[in-house]
Amino acid sequence: PLSVVCLHGFGMSASTMAHQMRRAREALSGDVRFTFLDGPLTVEARPLAGVVPSPPESPRAWWTVARGSGGARVLQGVADSLRVICAADAAERAAHGSGFAGIVGFSQGAALAHLACSLRRDEGPLP
C-alpha cells in the first residue's frame, strides 16, 4: 500500500487527527497506510473548532512563536519537527522498504508539510 504521513494542527495530536480521518482511513484501508505523528512541543490546551483533546493526551504543536531580540518573531521547534518527520520516514523505510509517498497536514501541520516538501525539492532529502 501507499504510505502517507499525517501532521495534525496546532493544539491537536496524532490520535485526534487519526480520529478525525477515520472515514478516509476506513475507505482507503487496503490501499493506503497512514502514519500519524505528534508534534514535538506540548502546548496549553485551547478548544479549537470544538476539538478538545481528552486526557491524558497533551495538545501538541510543530512550532511556537516567541519574541526575539528587537521584538522580531522567532519560530521555535521547526528543526525538531522536521527531524520528527525524517525519523518517521526512516522507520517507514526500515519497516516497509520505502519511505512516505505522501504527506497530509491540517492547519499548522499543512504549513509544515509545505515546508518539508519545499526543502526536499530544493535541497534534497531532509536531515
C-alpha atoms as a PDB file:
ATOM      1  CA  PRO A   1       0.000   0.000   0.000  1.00  0.00           C
ATOM      2  CA  LEU A   2       0.868   3.648  -0.442  1.00  0.00           C
ATOM      3  CA  SER A   3       2.361   5.130   2.726  1.00  0.00           C
ATOM      4  CA  VAL A   4       1.199   8.584   3.862  1.00  0.00           C
ATOM      5  CA  VAL A   5       2.362  10.601   6.873  1.00  0.00           C
ATOM      6  CA  CYS A   6      -0.207  12.834   8.592  1.00  0.00           C
ATOM      7  CA  LEU A   7       0.568  16.002  10.549  1.00  0.00           C
ATOM      8  CA  HIS A   8      -2.023  17.438  12.951  1.00  0.00           C
ATOM      9  CA  GLY A   9      -2.856  21.093  13.539  1.00  0.00           C
ATOM     10  CA  PHE A  10      -1.768  23.305  16.430  1.00  0.00           C
ATOM     11  CA  GLY A  11      -3.187  22.155  19.758  1.00  0.00           C
ATOM     12  CA  MET A  12      -4.197  18.768  18.381  1.00  0.00           C
ATOM     13  CA  SER A  13      -2.445  15.396  18.434  1.00  0.00           C
ATOM     14  CA  ALA A  14      -1.807  12.397  16.223  1.00  0.00           C
ATOM     15  CA  SER A  15      -4.672  10.475  17.795  1.00  0.00           C
ATOM     16  CA  THR A  16      -7.086  13.407  17.375  1.00  0.00           C
ATOM     17  CA  MET A  17      -6.235  13.658  13.684  1.00  0.00           C
ATOM     18  CA  ALA A  18      -6.496   9.894  13.260  1.00  0.00           C
ATOM     19  CA  HIS A  19      -9.973  10.044  14.779  1.00  0.00           C
ATOM     20  CA  GLN A  20     -10.991  12.916  12.501  1.00  0.00           C
ATOM     21  CA  MET A  21      -9.755  10.974   9.455  1.00  0.00           C
ATOM     22  CA  ARG A  22     -11.375   7.673  10.452  1.00  0.00           C
ATOM     23  CA  ARG A  23     -13.770   7.559   7.488  1.00  0.00           C
ATOM     24  CA  ALA A  24     -10.996   8.249   4.986  1.00  0.00           C
ATOM     25  CA  ARG A  25      -8.819   5.634   6.697  1.00  0.00           C
ATOM     26  CA  GLU A  26     -11.605   3.065   6.508  1.00  0.00           C
ATOM     27  CA  ALA A  27     -12.322   3.820   2.843  1.00  0.00           C
ATOM     28  CA  LEU A  28      -8.645   3.572   1.881  1.00  0.00           C
ATOM     29  CA  SER A  29      -7.577   0.833   4.308  1.00  0.00           C
ATOM     30  CA  GLY A  30      -6.397  -1.624   1.663  1.00  0.00           C
ATOM     31  CA  ASP A  31      -4.621   0.962  -0.456  1.00  0.00           C
ATOM     32  CA  VAL A  32      -3.067   3.456   1.975  1.00  0.00           C
ATOM     33  CA  ARG A  33      -1.100   3.031   5.196  1.00  0.00           C
ATOM     34  CA  PHE A  34      -1.450   6.177   7.327  1.00  0.00           C
ATOM     35  CA  THR A  35       1.134   7.169   9.926  1.00  0.00           C
ATOM     36  CA  PHE A  36       0.047   9.908  12.335  1.00  0.00           C
ATOM     37  CA  LEU A  37       2.817  11.871  14.046  1.00  0.00           C
ATOM     38  CA  ASP A  38       2.764  14.019  17.181  1.00  0.00           C
ATOM     39  CA  GLY A  39       4.402  17.426  17.114  1.00  0.00           C
ATOM     40  CA  PRO A  40       7.421  17.636  19.419  1.00  0.00           C
ATOM     41  CA  LEU A  41       6.077  20.524  21.519  1.00  0.00           C
ATOM     42  CA  THR A  42       3.423  20.393  24.231  1.00  0.00           C
ATOM     43  CA  VAL A  43       1.199  23.463  24.333  1.00  0.00           C
ATOM     44  CA  GLU A  44      -1.573  24.799  26.538  1.00  0.00           C
ATOM     45  CA  ALA A  45      -4.977  23.258  25.823  1.00  0.00           C
ATOM     46  CA  ARG A  46      -7.309  25.547  23.898  1.00  0.00           C
ATOM     47  CA  PRO A  47     -10.551  24.420  22.300  1.00  0.00           C
ATOM     48  CA  LEU A  48     -10.182  24.883  18.543  1.00  0.00           C
ATOM     49  CA  ALA A  49     -13.209  24.363  16.322  1.00  0.00           C
ATOM     50  CA  GLY A  50     -14.806  22.242  19.015  1.00  0.00           C
ATOM     51  CA  VAL A  51     -11.850  19.840  19.252  1.00  0.00           C
ATOM     52  CA  VAL A  52     -10.595  19.345  22.790  1.00  0.00           C
ATOM     53  CA  PRO A  53      -8.063  16.560  23.423  1.00  0.00           C
ATOM     54  CA  SER A  54      -9.149  14.094  26.059  1.00  0.00           C
ATOM     55  CA  PRO A  55      -6.817  13.397  28.984  1.00  0.00           C
ATOM     56  CA  PRO A  56      -4.168  12.158  29.337  1.00  0.00           C
ATOM     57  CA  GLU A  57      -3.435  13.306  25.807  1.00  0.00           C
ATOM     58  CA  SER A  58      -1.500  16.561  25.619  1.00  0.00           C
ATOM     59  CA  PRO A  59      -2.158  19.149  22.932  1.00  0.00           C
ATOM     60  CA  ARG A  60       0.846  19.361  20.640  1.00  0.00           C
ATOM     61  CA  ALA A  61       2.423  21.797  18.197  1.00  0.00           C
ATOM     62  CA  TRP A  62       5.026  21.667  15.462  1.00  0.00           C
ATOM     63  CA  TRP A  63       6.405  25.075  16.467  1.00  0.00           C
ATOM     64  CA  THR A  64       5.649  28.047  18.650  1.00  0.00           C
ATOM     65  CA  VAL A  65       6.307  31.746  18.139  1.00  0.00           C
ATOM     66  CA  ALA A  66       8.482  33.720  20.545  1.00  0.00           C
ATOM     67  CA  ARG A  67       9.823  37.262  20.535  1.00  0.00           C
ATOM     68  CA  GLY A  68      13.480  37.540  19.723  1.00  0.00           C
ATOM     69  CA  SER A  69      15.850  40.475  20.017  1.00  0.00           C
ATOM     70  CA  GLY A  70      14.327  43.706  18.831  1.00  0.00           C
ATOM     71  CA  GLY A  71      10.839  42.204  19.063  1.00  0.00           C
ATOM     72  CA  ALA A  72      11.223  40.038  15.959  1.00  0.00           C
ATOM     73  CA  ARG A  73       9.130  36.894  15.883  1.00  0.00           C
ATOM     74  CA  VAL A  74      11.121  33.667  16.079  1.00  0.00           C
ATOM     75  CA  LEU A  75       9.724  30.235  15.250  1.00  0.00           C
ATOM     76  CA  GLN A  76      10.857  27.678  17.822  1.00  0.00           C
ATOM     77  CA  GLY A  77      10.729  23.961  17.127  1.00  0.00           C
ATOM     78  CA  VAL A  78      10.729  23.863  13.321  1.00  0.00           C
ATOM     79  CA  ALA A  79      14.040  21.979  13.076  1.00  0.00           C
ATOM     80  CA  ASP A  80      12.877  19.466  15.707  1.00  0.00           C
ATOM     81  CA  SER A  81       9.639  18.978  13.791  1.00  0.00           C
ATOM     82  CA  LEU A  82      11.495  18.280  10.549  1.00  0.00           C
ATOM     83  CA  ARG A  83      13.613  15.726  12.433  1.00  0.00           C
ATOM     84  CA  VAL A  84      10.414  14.009  13.665  1.00  0.00           C
ATOM     85  CA  ILE A  85       9.266  13.620  10.058  1.00  0.00           C
ATOM     86  CA  CYS A  86      12.699  12.365   8.953  1.00  0.00           C
ATOM     87  CA  ALA A  87      12.867   9.819  11.774  1.00  0.00           C
ATOM     88  CA  ALA A  88       9.400   8.538  10.923  1.00  0.00           C
ATOM     89  CA  ASP A  89      10.360   8.306   7.251  1.00  0.00           C
ATOM     90  CA  ALA A  90      13.484   6.313   8.170  1.00  0.00           C
ATOM     91  CA  ALA A  91      11.384   3.977  10.330  1.00  0.00           C
ATOM     92  CA  GLU A  92       8.916   3.542   7.454  1.00  0.00           C
ATOM     93  CA  ARG A  93      11.818   2.760   5.107  1.00  0.00           C
ATOM     94  CA  ALA A  94      13.234   0.183   7.527  1.00  0.00           C
ATOM     95  CA  ALA A  95       9.875  -1.489   8.138  1.00  0.00           C
ATOM     96  CA  HIS A  96       8.434  -1.440   4.609  1.00  0.00           C
ATOM     97  CA  GLY A  97      11.317  -0.909   2.182  1.00  0.00           C
ATOM     98  CA  SER A  98      10.410   2.645   1.164  1.00  0.00           C
ATOM     99  CA  GLY A  99       9.626   5.946   2.808  1.00  0.00           C
ATOM    100  CA  PHE A 100       6.459   8.006   2.724  1.00  0.00           C
ATOM    101  CA  ALA A 101       4.920   8.562  -0.701  1.00  0.00           C
ATOM    102  CA  GLY A 102       2.651  11.351   0.500  1.00  0.00           C
ATOM    103  CA  ILE A 103       2.056  13.837   3.252  1.00  0.00           C
ATOM    104  CA  VAL A 104      -1.217  15.222   4.628  1.00  0.00           C
ATOM    105  CA  GLY A 105      -1.359  18.132   7.016  1.00  0.00           C
ATOM    106  CA  PHE A 106      -4.064  20.092   8.763  1.00  0.00           C
ATOM    107  CA  SER A 107      -3.562  23.767   9.634  1.00  0.00           C
ATOM    108  CA  GLN A 108      -0.105  24.098  11.252  1.00  0.00           C
ATOM    109  CA  GLY A 109       0.652  20.572  10.034  1.00  0.00           C
ATOM    110  CA  ALA A 110      -0.201  21.644   6.474  1.00  0.00           C
ATOM    111  CA  ALA A 111       2.251  24.538   6.742  1.00  0.00           C
ATOM    112  CA  LEU A 112       4.935  22.123   7.959  1.00  0.00           C
ATOM    113  CA  ALA A 113       4.087  19.696   5.142  1.00  0.00           C
ATOM    114  CA  HIS A 114       4.566  22.520   2.650  1.00  0.00           C
ATOM    115  CA  LEU A 115       7.894  23.468   4.210  1.00  0.00           C
ATOM    116  CA  ALA A 116       9.128  19.858   4.259  1.00  0.00           C
ATOM    117  CA  CYS A 117       8.187  19.324   0.606  1.00  0.00           C
ATOM    118  CA  SER A 118       9.764  22.636  -0.424  1.00  0.00           C
ATOM    119  CA  LEU A 119      13.015  21.851   1.373  1.00  0.00           C
ATOM    120  CA  ARG A 120      13.141  18.368  -0.110  1.00  0.00           C
ATOM    121  CA  ARG A 121      12.536  19.746  -3.611  1.00  0.00           C
ATOM    122  CA  ASP A 122      15.164  22.479  -3.263  1.00  0.00           C
ATOM    123  CA  GLU A 123      17.814  20.772  -1.148  1.00  0.00           C
ATOM    124  CA  GLY A 124      17.280  17.011  -1.439  1.00  0.00           C
ATOM    125  CA  PRO A 125      16.491  14.698   1.471  1.00  0.00           C
ATOM    126  CA  LEU A 126      15.764  16.356   4.788  1.00  0.00           C
ATOM    127  CA  PRO A 127      18.370  15.983   7.557  1.00  0.00           C
END
